[in-house]
N, C-alpha and C. Protein backbone atom coordinates (compact mmCIF):
# COMPACT_ATOMS: atom_id res chain seq x y z
N MET A 1 -14.34 23.62 -14.66
CA MET A 1 -15.25 24.48 -15.40
C MET A 1 -15.56 23.86 -16.75
N LYS A 2 -16.85 23.88 -17.05
CA LYS A 2 -17.29 23.24 -18.29
C LYS A 2 -17.62 24.31 -19.33
N SER A 3 -17.03 24.22 -20.50
CA SER A 3 -17.36 25.19 -21.54
C SER A 3 -18.68 24.79 -22.21
N GLU A 4 -19.38 25.77 -22.71
CA GLU A 4 -20.70 25.53 -23.30
C GLU A 4 -20.60 24.68 -24.57
N GLY A 5 -21.57 23.77 -24.74
CA GLY A 5 -21.65 23.00 -25.98
C GLY A 5 -20.71 21.80 -26.05
N VAL A 6 -19.97 21.56 -24.99
CA VAL A 6 -19.07 20.40 -25.00
C VAL A 6 -19.62 19.36 -24.04
N SER A 7 -19.90 18.18 -24.58
CA SER A 7 -20.45 17.14 -23.70
C SER A 7 -19.34 16.22 -23.22
N ALA A 8 -19.59 15.57 -22.11
CA ALA A 8 -18.58 14.69 -21.53
C ALA A 8 -18.43 13.41 -22.34
N HIS A 9 -19.50 13.04 -23.06
CA HIS A 9 -19.46 11.79 -23.81
C HIS A 9 -19.04 12.02 -25.25
N ALA A 10 -18.42 11.02 -25.82
CA ALA A 10 -18.05 11.09 -27.23
C ALA A 10 -19.34 11.02 -28.06
N PRO A 11 -19.34 11.64 -29.22
CA PRO A 11 -20.55 11.58 -30.05
C PRO A 11 -20.85 10.14 -30.45
N LYS A 12 -22.13 9.78 -30.47
CA LYS A 12 -22.51 8.42 -30.83
C LYS A 12 -22.44 8.28 -32.34
N LEU A 13 -21.58 7.40 -32.79
CA LEU A 13 -21.48 7.17 -34.22
C LEU A 13 -22.44 6.04 -34.59
N PRO A 14 -23.04 6.14 -35.78
CA PRO A 14 -23.92 5.05 -36.18
C PRO A 14 -23.12 3.77 -36.37
N ARG A 15 -23.66 2.66 -35.86
CA ARG A 15 -22.93 1.39 -35.98
C ARG A 15 -23.01 0.88 -37.41
N PRO A 16 -21.90 0.38 -37.94
CA PRO A 16 -21.96 -0.17 -39.30
C PRO A 16 -22.85 -1.41 -39.30
N PRO A 17 -23.57 -1.66 -40.39
CA PRO A 17 -24.44 -2.83 -40.40
C PRO A 17 -23.62 -4.11 -40.27
N VAL A 18 -24.06 -5.01 -39.42
CA VAL A 18 -23.34 -6.27 -39.21
C VAL A 18 -23.92 -7.29 -40.17
N GLU A 19 -23.05 -7.88 -40.98
CA GLU A 19 -23.58 -8.86 -41.94
C GLU A 19 -23.88 -10.18 -41.24
N PRO A 20 -24.89 -10.90 -41.72
CA PRO A 20 -25.26 -12.16 -41.08
C PRO A 20 -24.13 -13.19 -41.16
N VAL A 21 -24.16 -14.15 -40.25
CA VAL A 21 -23.11 -15.17 -40.18
C VAL A 21 -23.02 -15.94 -41.49
N TRP A 22 -24.19 -16.31 -42.04
CA TRP A 22 -24.17 -17.14 -43.25
C TRP A 22 -23.51 -16.41 -44.41
N LEU A 23 -23.68 -15.07 -44.46
CA LEU A 23 -23.07 -14.30 -45.54
C LEU A 23 -21.55 -14.31 -45.40
N THR A 24 -21.07 -14.20 -44.19
CA THR A 24 -19.63 -14.25 -43.93
C THR A 24 -19.08 -15.60 -44.37
N LEU A 25 -19.82 -16.67 -44.05
CA LEU A 25 -19.37 -18.01 -44.42
C LEU A 25 -19.35 -18.18 -45.94
N LEU A 26 -20.35 -17.62 -46.62
CA LEU A 26 -20.41 -17.76 -48.08
C LEU A 26 -19.24 -17.05 -48.75
N LYS A 27 -18.74 -15.99 -48.13
CA LYS A 27 -17.64 -15.23 -48.72
C LYS A 27 -16.29 -15.92 -48.53
N SER A 28 -16.26 -16.95 -47.68
CA SER A 28 -14.98 -17.61 -47.39
C SER A 28 -14.53 -18.46 -48.58
N LYS A 29 -13.28 -18.87 -48.57
CA LYS A 29 -12.73 -19.67 -49.66
C LYS A 29 -12.93 -21.16 -49.41
N ASN A 30 -13.25 -21.51 -48.16
CA ASN A 30 -13.37 -22.91 -47.77
C ASN A 30 -14.73 -23.48 -48.20
N PRO A 31 -14.74 -24.51 -49.08
CA PRO A 31 -16.02 -25.05 -49.57
C PRO A 31 -16.90 -25.60 -48.45
N ARG A 32 -16.28 -26.14 -47.41
CA ARG A 32 -17.07 -26.69 -46.30
C ARG A 32 -17.82 -25.56 -45.59
N LEU A 33 -17.13 -24.43 -45.40
CA LEU A 33 -17.77 -23.28 -44.75
C LEU A 33 -18.88 -22.71 -45.63
N ILE A 34 -18.66 -22.73 -46.95
CA ILE A 34 -19.68 -22.22 -47.87
C ILE A 34 -20.94 -23.07 -47.76
N LYS A 35 -20.78 -24.39 -47.70
CA LYS A 35 -21.93 -25.29 -47.54
C LYS A 35 -22.66 -24.99 -46.24
N ARG A 36 -21.89 -24.79 -45.18
CA ARG A 36 -22.48 -24.48 -43.87
C ARG A 36 -23.28 -23.17 -43.94
N GLY A 37 -22.71 -22.19 -44.66
CA GLY A 37 -23.39 -20.91 -44.82
C GLY A 37 -24.72 -21.05 -45.54
N LEU A 38 -24.73 -21.89 -46.59
CA LEU A 38 -25.98 -22.12 -47.33
C LEU A 38 -27.02 -22.78 -46.44
N LYS A 39 -26.58 -23.76 -45.64
CA LYS A 39 -27.51 -24.44 -44.73
C LYS A 39 -28.11 -23.45 -43.74
N LEU A 40 -27.25 -22.59 -43.17
CA LEU A 40 -27.72 -21.60 -42.20
C LEU A 40 -28.73 -20.65 -42.84
N LYS A 41 -28.42 -20.21 -44.07
CA LYS A 41 -29.31 -19.28 -44.76
C LYS A 41 -30.68 -19.92 -44.94
N LEU A 42 -30.70 -21.16 -45.40
CA LEU A 42 -31.97 -21.86 -45.60
C LEU A 42 -32.73 -21.98 -44.28
N GLN A 43 -32.00 -22.28 -43.21
CA GLN A 43 -32.63 -22.43 -41.90
C GLN A 43 -33.24 -21.11 -41.43
N PHE A 44 -32.48 -20.01 -41.59
CA PHE A 44 -32.99 -18.70 -41.18
C PHE A 44 -34.23 -18.33 -41.98
N ASP A 45 -34.19 -18.59 -43.30
CA ASP A 45 -35.33 -18.27 -44.15
C ASP A 45 -36.55 -19.07 -43.73
N ARG A 46 -36.34 -20.35 -43.45
CA ARG A 46 -37.45 -21.21 -43.06
C ARG A 46 -38.08 -20.71 -41.75
N GLU A 47 -37.22 -20.36 -40.78
CA GLU A 47 -37.73 -19.87 -39.49
C GLU A 47 -38.50 -18.57 -39.67
N ARG A 48 -38.00 -17.68 -40.54
CA ARG A 48 -38.68 -16.41 -40.76
C ARG A 48 -40.05 -16.64 -41.41
N ARG A 49 -40.10 -17.55 -42.39
CA ARG A 49 -41.38 -17.86 -43.05
C ARG A 49 -42.39 -18.42 -42.06
N GLU A 50 -41.92 -19.32 -41.18
CA GLU A 50 -42.82 -19.92 -40.19
C GLU A 50 -43.36 -18.85 -39.24
N LYS A 51 -42.50 -17.92 -38.85
CA LYS A 51 -42.94 -16.82 -37.97
C LYS A 51 -44.03 -16.00 -38.66
N GLU A 52 -43.78 -15.65 -39.94
CA GLU A 52 -44.74 -14.84 -40.69
C GLU A 52 -46.05 -15.60 -40.87
N LYS A 53 -45.95 -16.90 -41.10
CA LYS A 53 -47.14 -17.72 -41.27
C LYS A 53 -47.95 -17.72 -39.98
N GLY A 54 -47.27 -17.83 -38.85
CA GLY A 54 -47.93 -17.80 -37.55
C GLY A 54 -48.64 -16.48 -37.31
N LYS A 55 -47.99 -15.38 -37.72
CA LYS A 55 -48.58 -14.06 -37.54
C LYS A 55 -49.85 -13.93 -38.38
N SER A 56 -49.80 -14.42 -39.63
CA SER A 56 -50.97 -14.28 -40.51
C SER A 56 -52.13 -15.13 -40.00
N ARG A 57 -51.82 -16.29 -39.42
CA ARG A 57 -52.87 -17.14 -38.87
C ARG A 57 -53.57 -16.44 -37.71
N LYS A 58 -52.76 -15.80 -36.86
CA LYS A 58 -53.34 -15.09 -35.70
C LYS A 58 -54.20 -13.92 -36.18
N ALA A 59 -53.80 -13.27 -37.25
CA ALA A 59 -54.53 -12.11 -37.74
C ALA A 59 -55.88 -12.52 -38.33
N LYS A 60 -55.96 -13.73 -38.89
CA LYS A 60 -57.20 -14.19 -39.53
C LYS A 60 -58.30 -14.46 -38.51
N ARG A 61 -57.91 -14.85 -37.28
CA ARG A 61 -58.92 -15.20 -36.26
C ARG A 61 -59.76 -14.02 -35.87
């Protein structure tokens, strides 16, 4: 017998925001990992800019 208002599933909790990999690397104490984190950040930023540039080009046509 099922009582009213009780669901079989646990309530969905909001997922905590997952920080990017490069941010985790920058927070580390290891200088090599920090350098790697900076490189990754630059790479992600570059890729995002190129995507946005591509979108704006398509919009102009």
